[in-house]
């Protein structure tokens, strides 16, 4: 399970150090892929689950073939080096607006990598959405 928020920086080669809390789950590698305004990082098993779900939605006509194509085509497998760094391909950095400073969040079943500016915009409104969700589930 991936939990927490961590501020990190990209180095000049497009690498970022994974938070130590995430390293053991990703020690054998992971898969990076585009999400809405960020990059998702899954274990290979979880990525396969997401890909299968997306394929099912394509077959049902609920999702375009192009969504599946770009999801798979722009995905990249990564394995942390001995210092816990992964390399983020330029096409994924461009998609998510990553420059130097970034935020790495746990999102239960995946890790999300955000530009600091984009995360700031999302997190500003998220507290009220959490309050509403907590009310809906009765906590």
Protein backbone atom coordinates (compact mmCIF):
# COMPACT_ATOMS: atom_id res chain seq x y z
CA UNK A 1 0.00 0.00 0.00
CA UNK A 2 1.32 3.42 -0.97
CA UNK A 3 0.69 6.27 1.50
CA UNK A 4 2.12 9.71 2.16
CA UNK A 5 3.33 12.84 0.39
CA UNK A 6 7.00 13.50 -0.35
CA UNK A 7 8.74 16.44 -1.99
CA UNK A 8 11.62 15.55 -4.28
CA UNK A 9 13.63 16.95 -7.19
CA UNK A 10 14.55 15.69 -10.63
CA UNK A 11 18.25 15.56 -11.37
CA UNK A 12 19.76 16.74 -14.65
CA UNK A 13 19.26 13.27 -16.18
CA UNK A 14 15.52 13.15 -15.42
CA UNK A 15 15.88 10.84 -12.43
CA UNK A 16 14.13 11.06 -9.09
CA UNK A 17 14.80 9.26 -5.83
CA UNK A 18 11.80 7.22 -4.73
CA UNK A 19 10.70 7.77 -1.14
CA UNK A 20 12.13 5.03 1.06
CA UNK A 21 8.57 4.08 2.08
CA UNK A 22 7.87 2.98 -1.54
CA UNK A 23 11.14 1.29 -2.42
CA UNK A 24 10.48 -2.20 -1.10
CA UNK A 25 7.23 -2.55 -3.07
CA UNK A 26 8.99 -1.35 -6.22
CA UNK A 27 12.40 -2.96 -5.71
CA UNK A 28 11.80 -5.43 -8.55
CA UNK A 29 10.55 -2.64 -10.81
CA UNK A 30 7.42 -0.78 -11.75
CA UNK A 31 5.57 0.76 -14.66
CA UNK A 32 5.19 4.49 -15.30
CA UNK A 33 2.26 5.75 -17.39
CA UNK A 34 0.30 8.91 -18.11
CA UNK A 35 -2.64 9.80 -15.91
CA UNK A 36 -4.80 12.90 -16.08
CA UNK A 37 -2.29 15.60 -15.01
CA UNK A 38 0.38 13.44 -13.45
CA UNK A 39 2.33 10.21 -13.89
CA UNK A 40 1.22 6.95 -12.32
CA UNK A 41 3.71 4.38 -11.04
CA UNK A 42 2.39 0.86 -10.46
CA UNK A 43 3.86 -2.46 -9.52
CA UNK A 44 3.84 -4.66 -12.65
CA UNK A 45 0.90 -6.65 -11.26
CA UNK A 46 -1.20 -3.56 -10.56
CA UNK A 47 -0.35 -2.10 -13.96
CA UNK A 48 -1.59 -5.32 -15.58
CA UNK A 49 -4.84 -5.01 -13.60
CA UNK A 50 -5.33 -1.45 -14.84
CA UNK A 51 -4.46 -2.41 -18.43
CA UNK A 52 -6.94 -5.30 -18.32
CA UNK A 53 -9.66 -3.02 -16.98
CA UNK A 54 -8.95 -0.50 -19.73
CA UNK A 55 -9.02 -3.26 -22.38
CA UNK A 56 -12.39 -4.43 -21.05
CA UNK A 57 -13.78 -0.89 -21.30
CA UNK A 58 -12.53 -0.66 -24.91
CA UNK A 59 -14.29 -3.95 -25.76
CA UNK A 60 -17.48 -2.63 -24.15
CA UNK A 61 -17.25 0.55 -26.23
CA UNK A 62 -16.94 2.80 -23.17
CA UNK A 63 -13.35 3.85 -23.89
CA UNK A 64 -11.65 4.71 -27.18
CA UNK A 65 -9.00 2.44 -28.67
CA UNK A 66 -6.78 5.53 -28.79
CA UNK A 67 -6.87 5.85 -24.99
CA UNK A 68 -5.55 2.30 -24.65
CA UNK A 69 -2.98 2.88 -27.39
CA UNK A 70 -1.48 5.98 -25.79
CA UNK A 71 -1.64 4.46 -22.30
CA UNK A 72 0.45 1.49 -23.46
CA UNK A 73 2.66 3.30 -25.96
CA UNK A 74 3.83 5.94 -23.51
CA UNK A 75 4.25 3.56 -20.56
CA UNK A 76 7.76 2.70 -19.41
CA UNK A 77 9.13 0.00 -17.17
CA UNK A 78 11.53 1.23 -14.50
CA UNK A 79 13.74 -0.40 -11.91
CA UNK A 80 15.23 1.63 -9.07
CA UNK A 81 19.02 1.79 -9.06
CA UNK A 82 21.13 1.16 -5.96
CA UNK A 83 20.32 4.69 -4.71
CA UNK A 84 16.57 4.24 -5.20
CA UNK A 85 16.39 6.44 -8.30
CA UNK A 86 14.18 5.88 -11.33
CA UNK A 87 14.47 7.62 -14.67
CA UNK A 88 11.35 9.35 -15.96
CA UNK A 89 11.23 9.48 -19.77
CA UNK A 90 11.00 12.95 -21.34
CA UNK A 91 7.57 12.28 -22.89
CA UNK A 92 6.13 11.56 -19.44
CA UNK A 93 7.88 14.56 -17.86
CA UNK A 94 6.43 16.77 -20.62
CA UNK A 95 2.92 15.34 -20.20
CA UNK A 96 2.86 16.04 -16.48
CA UNK A 97 4.70 19.37 -16.55
CA UNK A 98 7.60 18.08 -14.46
CA UNK A 99 10.51 20.41 -14.21
CA UNK A 100 12.79 20.38 -11.17
CA UNK A 101 10.62 20.23 -8.05
CA UNK A 102 7.93 17.58 -7.77
CA UNK A 103 5.62 15.83 -5.35
CA UNK A 104 5.37 12.06 -5.00
CA UNK A 105 2.14 10.81 -3.42
CA UNK A 106 0.90 7.43 -2.36
CA UNK A 107 -2.57 6.70 -3.70
CA UNK A 108 -3.23 3.30 -2.06
CA UNK A 109 -2.70 1.09 -5.14
CA UNK A 110 -0.23 3.31 -7.00
CA UNK A 111 2.21 6.17 -6.68
CA UNK A 112 1.47 9.50 -8.36
CA UNK A 113 4.21 11.89 -9.47
CA UNK A 114 3.07 15.52 -9.77
CA UNK A 115 4.63 18.82 -10.70
CA UNK A 116 4.60 20.96 -7.56
CA UNK A 117 2.34 23.55 -9.22
CA UNK A 118 -0.21 21.03 -10.47
CA UNK A 119 -0.32 19.25 -7.11
CA UNK A 120 -0.87 22.56 -5.34
CA UNK A 121 -3.94 23.20 -7.50
CA UNK A 122 -5.36 19.73 -6.85
CA UNK A 123 -4.67 19.64 -3.12
CA UNK A 124 -6.22 23.07 -2.54
CA UNK A 125 -9.67 21.74 -3.45
CA UNK A 126 -9.21 18.19 -2.23
CA UNK A 127 -9.90 18.77 1.46
CA UNK A 128 -13.54 19.72 0.82
CA UNK A 129 -13.94 16.71 -1.49
CA UNK A 130 -12.53 14.46 1.24
CA UNK A 131 -14.95 15.88 3.78
CA UNK A 132 -17.83 15.10 1.42
CA UNK A 133 -16.55 11.57 0.72
CA UNK A 134 -16.12 10.83 4.42
CA UNK A 135 -19.71 11.90 4.99
CA UNK A 136 -20.94 9.64 2.17
CA UNK A 137 -19.23 6.54 3.60
CA UNK A 138 -20.38 7.36 7.13
CA UNK A 139 -17.10 8.01 8.94
